[in-house]
């Protein structure tokens, strides 16, 4: 083969390769843009998960309030018990 033909084939193959890379890149970008466009609108599943998270947060808040109330009662009971013990030991009885 003459060198001119070989150079022409190499140039065509190079252009086809560069064009292919360009087209594949554009396709990937288009696909990514479509995914991002679809992801911007919250799906029904995402809305359901958000509702569940809100419900769980409310439940945790209620549990914390209940825990605080129980903690206050335990502290009150401890104060009564220590006050009672202090009174028992002061009169010299066994």
C-alpha atoms as a PDB file:
ATOM      1  CA  UNK A   1       0.000   0.000   0.000  1.00  0.00           C
ATOM      2  CA  UNK A   2       1.254   3.443  -0.778  1.00  0.00           C
ATOM      3  CA  UNK A   3       2.095   5.674   2.161  1.00  0.00           C
ATOM      4  CA  UNK A   4      -0.567   8.212   1.108  1.00  0.00           C
ATOM      5  CA  UNK A   5      -3.322   5.604   1.443  1.00  0.00           C
ATOM      6  CA  UNK A   6      -2.022   4.432   4.814  1.00  0.00           C
ATOM      7  CA  UNK A   7      -1.960   8.023   6.077  1.00  0.00           C
ATOM      8  CA  UNK A   8      -5.515   8.536   4.807  1.00  0.00           C
ATOM      9  CA  UNK A   9      -6.759   5.376   6.519  1.00  0.00           C
ATOM     10  CA  UNK A  10      -5.059   6.397   9.759  1.00  0.00           C
ATOM     11  CA  UNK A  11      -6.659   9.854   9.533  1.00  0.00           C
ATOM     12  CA  UNK A  12     -10.122   8.370   8.905  1.00  0.00           C
ATOM     13  CA  UNK A  13      -9.757   5.866  11.740  1.00  0.00           C
ATOM     14  CA  UNK A  14      -8.589   8.660  14.022  1.00  0.00           C
ATOM     15  CA  UNK A  15     -11.538  10.875  13.093  1.00  0.00           C
ATOM     16  CA  UNK A  16     -13.975   8.008  13.555  1.00  0.00           C
ATOM     17  CA  UNK A  17     -12.438   7.260  16.960  1.00  0.00           C
ATOM     18  CA  UNK A  18     -12.607  10.875  18.108  1.00  0.00           C
ATOM     19  CA  UNK A  19     -16.173  11.169  16.788  1.00  0.00           C
ATOM     20  CA  UNK A  20     -17.174   7.987  18.578  1.00  0.00           C
ATOM     21  CA  UNK A  21     -15.728   9.194  21.866  1.00  0.00           C
ATOM     22  CA  UNK A  22     -17.550  12.507  21.407  1.00  0.00           C
ATOM     23  CA  UNK A  23     -20.875  10.801  20.658  1.00  0.00           C
ATOM     24  CA  UNK A  24     -20.539   8.386  23.585  1.00  0.00           C
ATOM     25  CA  UNK A  25     -19.754  11.307  25.875  1.00  0.00           C
ATOM     26  CA  UNK A  26     -22.789  13.223  24.651  1.00  0.00           C
ATOM     27  CA  UNK A  27     -24.992  10.153  25.173  1.00  0.00           C
ATOM     28  CA  UNK A  28     -23.699   9.723  28.712  1.00  0.00           C
ATOM     29  CA  UNK A  29     -24.280  13.398  29.477  1.00  0.00           C
ATOM     30  CA  UNK A  30     -27.807  13.215  28.061  1.00  0.00           C
ATOM     31  CA  UNK A  31     -28.557  10.130  30.152  1.00  0.00           C
ATOM     32  CA  UNK A  32     -27.180  11.818  33.254  1.00  0.00           C
ATOM     33  CA  UNK A  33     -29.265  14.945  32.608  1.00  0.00           C
ATOM     34  CA  UNK A  34     -32.403  12.812  32.225  1.00  0.00           C
ATOM     35  CA  UNK A  35     -31.708  11.045  35.512  1.00  0.00           C
ATOM     36  CA  UNK A  36     -31.137  14.340  37.284  1.00  0.00           C
ATOM     37  CA  UNK A  37     -34.303  15.779  35.792  1.00  0.00           C
ATOM     38  CA  UNK A  38     -36.294  12.784  37.007  1.00  0.00           C
ATOM     39  CA  UNK A  39     -34.634  12.928  40.422  1.00  0.00           C
ATOM     40  CA  UNK A  40     -35.610  16.556  41.001  1.00  0.00           C
ATOM     41  CA  UNK A  41     -39.292  15.666  41.366  1.00  0.00           C
ATOM     42  CA  UNK A  42     -39.796  13.670  44.574  1.00  0.00           C
ATOM     43  CA  UNK A  43     -41.158  10.222  43.943  1.00  0.00           C
ATOM     44  CA  UNK A  44     -44.038   8.707  45.871  1.00  0.00           C
ATOM     45  CA  UNK A  45     -41.569   6.465  47.680  1.00  0.00           C
ATOM     46  CA  UNK A  46     -39.516   9.504  48.768  1.00  0.00           C
ATOM     47  CA  UNK A  47     -42.652  11.225  50.051  1.00  0.00           C
ATOM     48  CA  UNK A  48     -43.653   8.098  51.973  1.00  0.00           C
ATOM     49  CA  UNK A  49     -40.185   7.874  53.532  1.00  0.00           C
ATOM     50  CA  UNK A  50     -40.357  11.538  54.535  1.00  0.00           C
ATOM     51  CA  UNK A  51     -43.704  10.906  56.253  1.00  0.00           C
ATOM     52  CA  UNK A  52     -42.272   7.896  58.085  1.00  0.00           C
ATOM     53  CA  UNK A  53     -39.269   9.926  59.243  1.00  0.00           C
ATOM     54  CA  UNK A  54     -41.594  12.642  60.535  1.00  0.00           C
ATOM     55  CA  UNK A  55     -43.685  10.045  62.384  1.00  0.00           C
ATOM     56  CA  UNK A  56     -40.563   8.502  63.928  1.00  0.00           C
ATOM     57  CA  UNK A  57     -39.316  11.911  65.044  1.00  0.00           C
ATOM     58  CA  UNK A  58     -42.671  12.590  66.713  1.00  0.00           C
ATOM     59  CA  UNK A  59     -42.517   9.221  68.447  1.00  0.00           C
ATOM     60  CA  UNK A  60     -38.974   9.852  69.681  1.00  0.00           C
ATOM     61  CA  UNK A  61     -40.076  13.262  71.009  1.00  0.00           C
ATOM     62  CA  UNK A  62     -42.916  11.611  72.945  1.00  0.00           C
ATOM     63  CA  UNK A  63     -40.574   8.938  74.305  1.00  0.00           C
ATOM     64  CA  UNK A  64     -38.151  11.618  75.482  1.00  0.00           C
ATOM     65  CA  UNK A  65     -40.965  13.420  77.274  1.00  0.00           C
ATOM     66  CA  UNK A  66     -42.048  10.165  78.936  1.00  0.00           C
ATOM     67  CA  UNK A  67     -38.444   9.413  79.909  1.00  0.00           C
ATOM     68  CA  UNK A  68     -38.052  12.879  81.452  1.00  0.00           C
ATOM     69  CA  UNK A  69     -41.203  12.328  83.510  1.00  0.00           C
ATOM     70  CA  UNK A  70     -40.036   8.908  84.718  1.00  0.00           C
ATOM     71  CA  UNK A  71     -36.603  10.360  85.542  1.00  0.00           C
ATOM     72  CA  UNK A  72     -38.204  13.086  87.662  1.00  0.00           C
ATOM     73  CA  UNK A  73     -40.260  10.487  89.537  1.00  0.00           C
ATOM     74  CA  UNK A  74     -37.185   8.339  90.215  1.00  0.00           C
ATOM     75  CA  UNK A  75     -35.288  11.362  91.539  1.00  0.00           C
ATOM     76  CA  UNK A  76     -38.242  12.249  93.768  1.00  0.00           C
ATOM     77  CA  UNK A  77     -38.391   8.685  95.103  1.00  0.00           C
ATOM     78  CA  UNK A  78     -34.635   8.706  95.755  1.00  0.00           C
ATOM     79  CA  UNK A  79     -34.912  11.975  97.694  1.00  0.00           C
ATOM     80  CA  UNK A  80     -37.703  10.516  99.825  1.00  0.00           C
ATOM     81  CA  UNK A  81     -35.695   7.357 100.499  1.00  0.00           C
ATOM     82  CA  UNK A  82     -32.535   9.237 101.474  1.00  0.00           C
ATOM     83  CA  UNK A  83     -34.539  11.604 103.676  1.00  0.00           C
ATOM     84  CA  UNK A  84     -36.172   8.621 105.388  1.00  0.00           C
ATOM     85  CA  UNK A  85     -32.839   6.891 105.985  1.00  0.00           C
ATOM     86  CA  UNK A  86     -31.293  10.040 107.387  1.00  0.00           C
ATOM     87  CA  UNK A  87     -34.177  10.296 109.861  1.00  0.00           C
ATOM     88  CA  UNK A  88     -33.837   6.655 110.960  1.00  0.00           C
ATOM     89  CA  UNK A  89     -30.144   6.828 111.763  1.00  0.00           C
ATOM     90  CA  UNK A  90     -30.369   9.939 113.961  1.00  0.00           C
ATOM     91  CA  UNK A  91     -32.290   8.500 116.964  1.00  0.00           C
ATOM     92  CA  UNK A  92     -29.824   5.703 117.839  1.00  0.00           C
ATOM     93  CA  UNK A  93     -32.224   2.829 117.033  1.00  0.00           C
ATOM     94  CA  UNK A  94     -30.778  -0.316 115.367  1.00  0.00           C
END
